[in-house]
Amino acid sequence: MAASVRQTHPDGVDAVLDLVDDARGIGRIAGVVRSGGKIVSTIGAIDPQALRERELSGNNLSMQQSPASSHAGLRALLEMLERGAVRTFIASEEPLEEATRALERSKRGTVNGKLILTVD
């Protein structure tokens, strides 16, 4: 991903919203963010001190309230799915044993849709 960003934005970018990378991946992504820029992680992978050393800032974003945080919210989401108001495209279904491979595909950015892990 970093190489692709550098190709289209040789001077770097101002901000990144990262949904999948661990701390090591955030370190690689930091290389494409301009000095003074910001990285936000939705999975808690930001080390603020490490980013400050690179003249960057960062936050770990977490939602305390979401549809998934209550029974009523899950029911409303289910009803929207049943009505067709919300659609989910499934890219593939993989056995749980292939989770590592599926995650690598997702990190490469080559998956369009959701990867479903199945348990037998």
Protein backbone atom coordinates (compact mmCIF):
# COMPACT_ATOMS: atom_id res chain seq x y z
CA MET A 1 0.00 0.00 0.00
CA ALA A 2 2.78 2.44 0.87
CA ALA A 3 4.41 2.06 -2.54
CA SER A 4 1.10 2.73 -4.28
CA VAL A 5 0.50 5.88 -2.21
CA ARG A 6 4.04 7.11 -2.90
CA GLN A 7 3.49 6.56 -6.61
CA THR A 8 0.37 8.72 -6.72
CA HIS A 9 1.38 11.16 -3.94
CA PRO A 10 5.19 11.46 -4.02
CA ASP A 11 5.15 14.22 -1.37
CA GLY A 12 3.08 12.04 0.97
CA VAL A 13 -0.41 12.49 2.38
CA ASP A 14 -1.76 14.50 5.30
CA ALA A 15 -3.71 11.72 7.00
CA VAL A 16 -4.47 8.00 6.98
CA LEU A 17 -7.45 6.15 8.43
CA ASP A 18 -6.25 2.58 8.95
CA LEU A 19 -8.75 -0.22 9.52
CA VAL A 20 -6.53 -3.31 9.56
CA ASP A 21 -2.84 -2.80 10.32
CA ASP A 22 -1.03 -3.74 13.51
CA ALA A 23 1.67 -1.52 15.06
CA ARG A 24 4.30 -2.74 12.60
CA GLY A 25 2.01 -1.96 9.67
CA ILE A 26 1.31 1.49 11.10
CA GLY A 27 5.07 2.03 11.13
CA ARG A 28 5.23 1.28 7.40
CA ILE A 29 2.27 3.53 6.68
CA ALA A 30 3.87 6.37 8.65
CA GLY A 31 6.44 6.56 5.87
CA VAL A 32 3.84 7.99 3.47
CA VAL A 33 2.45 10.63 5.85
CA ARG A 34 3.88 14.15 5.69
CA SER A 35 5.51 15.71 8.73
CA GLY A 36 2.74 17.06 10.97
CA GLY A 37 0.25 14.52 9.57
CA LYS A 38 -2.05 12.17 11.43
CA ILE A 39 -2.81 8.45 11.44
CA VAL A 40 -5.98 7.02 12.97
CA SER A 41 -6.39 3.32 13.73
CA THR A 42 -9.72 1.61 14.35
CA ILE A 43 -8.07 -1.42 15.97
CA GLY A 44 -5.92 0.26 18.63
CA ALA A 45 -2.58 -0.04 16.81
CA ILE A 46 -1.38 3.55 17.32
CA ASP A 47 1.69 4.15 19.49
CA PRO A 48 1.57 7.95 19.99
CA GLN A 49 5.20 8.15 21.18
CA ALA A 50 6.52 6.32 18.11
CA LEU A 51 4.57 8.69 15.86
CA ARG A 52 5.78 11.79 17.74
CA GLU A 53 9.35 10.66 17.04
CA ARG A 54 8.44 10.89 13.34
CA GLU A 55 6.76 14.29 13.80
CA LEU A 56 3.32 12.74 13.35
CA SER A 57 0.30 12.36 15.59
CA GLY A 58 -2.19 9.57 15.91
CA ASN A 59 -5.31 8.33 17.63
CA ASN A 60 -6.94 5.02 18.34
CA LEU A 61 -10.58 5.40 17.40
CA SER A 62 -13.16 3.28 19.16
CA MET A 63 -16.90 3.52 19.19
CA GLN A 64 -18.57 3.13 22.54
CA GLN A 65 -22.03 3.10 20.98
CA SER A 66 -22.77 1.38 17.70
CA PRO A 67 -25.61 -0.73 16.33
CA ALA A 68 -23.70 -3.78 17.50
CA SER A 69 -23.52 -2.52 21.08
CA SER A 70 -27.16 -3.23 21.92
CA HIS A 71 -29.86 -5.79 21.23
CA ALA A 72 -32.13 -3.09 19.79
CA GLY A 73 -29.37 -1.89 17.48
CA LEU A 74 -28.70 -5.41 16.20
CA ARG A 75 -32.43 -5.95 15.66
CA ALA A 76 -32.65 -2.69 13.65
CA LEU A 77 -29.64 -3.73 11.56
CA LEU A 78 -31.19 -7.14 10.89
CA GLU A 79 -34.45 -5.51 9.80
CA MET A 80 -32.56 -3.23 7.38
CA LEU A 81 -30.77 -6.25 5.93
CA GLU A 82 -34.07 -8.13 5.54
CA ARG A 83 -35.65 -5.12 3.75
CA GLY A 84 -32.68 -4.82 1.43
CA ALA A 85 -31.90 -1.33 2.72
CA VAL A 86 -28.36 -2.49 3.53
CA ARG A 87 -26.44 -4.84 1.28
CA THR A 88 -23.26 -6.71 1.92
CA PHE A 89 -21.20 -8.11 -0.92
CA ILE A 90 -19.43 -11.33 0.02
CA ALA A 91 -16.13 -11.68 -1.82
CA SER A 92 -15.45 -15.22 -0.61
CA GLU A 93 -15.99 -17.77 2.13
CA GLU A 94 -12.90 -19.43 3.58
CA PRO A 95 -12.46 -22.09 6.27
CA LEU A 96 -11.13 -20.75 9.57
CA GLU A 97 -7.82 -22.49 8.87
CA GLU A 98 -7.30 -20.02 5.99
CA ALA A 99 -7.75 -16.93 8.20
CA THR A 100 -4.11 -15.85 7.87
CA ARG A 101 -4.24 -16.05 4.08
CA ALA A 102 -7.57 -14.20 4.01
CA LEU A 103 -6.17 -11.42 6.22
CA GLU A 104 -3.15 -11.06 3.93
CA ARG A 105 -5.48 -10.72 0.93
CA SER A 106 -7.45 -8.07 2.78
CA LYS A 107 -4.29 -6.14 3.72
CA ARG A 108 -3.17 -6.10 0.07
CA GLY A 109 -6.38 -4.25 -0.77
CA THR A 110 -7.37 -6.76 -3.46
CA VAL A 111 -10.65 -7.85 -1.88
CA ASN A 112 -13.90 -6.20 -2.92
CA GLY A 113 -16.44 -7.20 -0.31
CA LYS A 114 -16.45 -9.19 2.89
CA LEU A 115 -14.33 -12.25 3.57
CA ILE A 116 -16.34 -14.79 5.52
CA LEU A 117 -14.53 -17.29 7.74
CA THR A 118 -16.47 -20.52 8.27
CA VAL A 119 -16.19 -22.95 11.16
CA ASP A 120 -16.98 -26.60 10.48
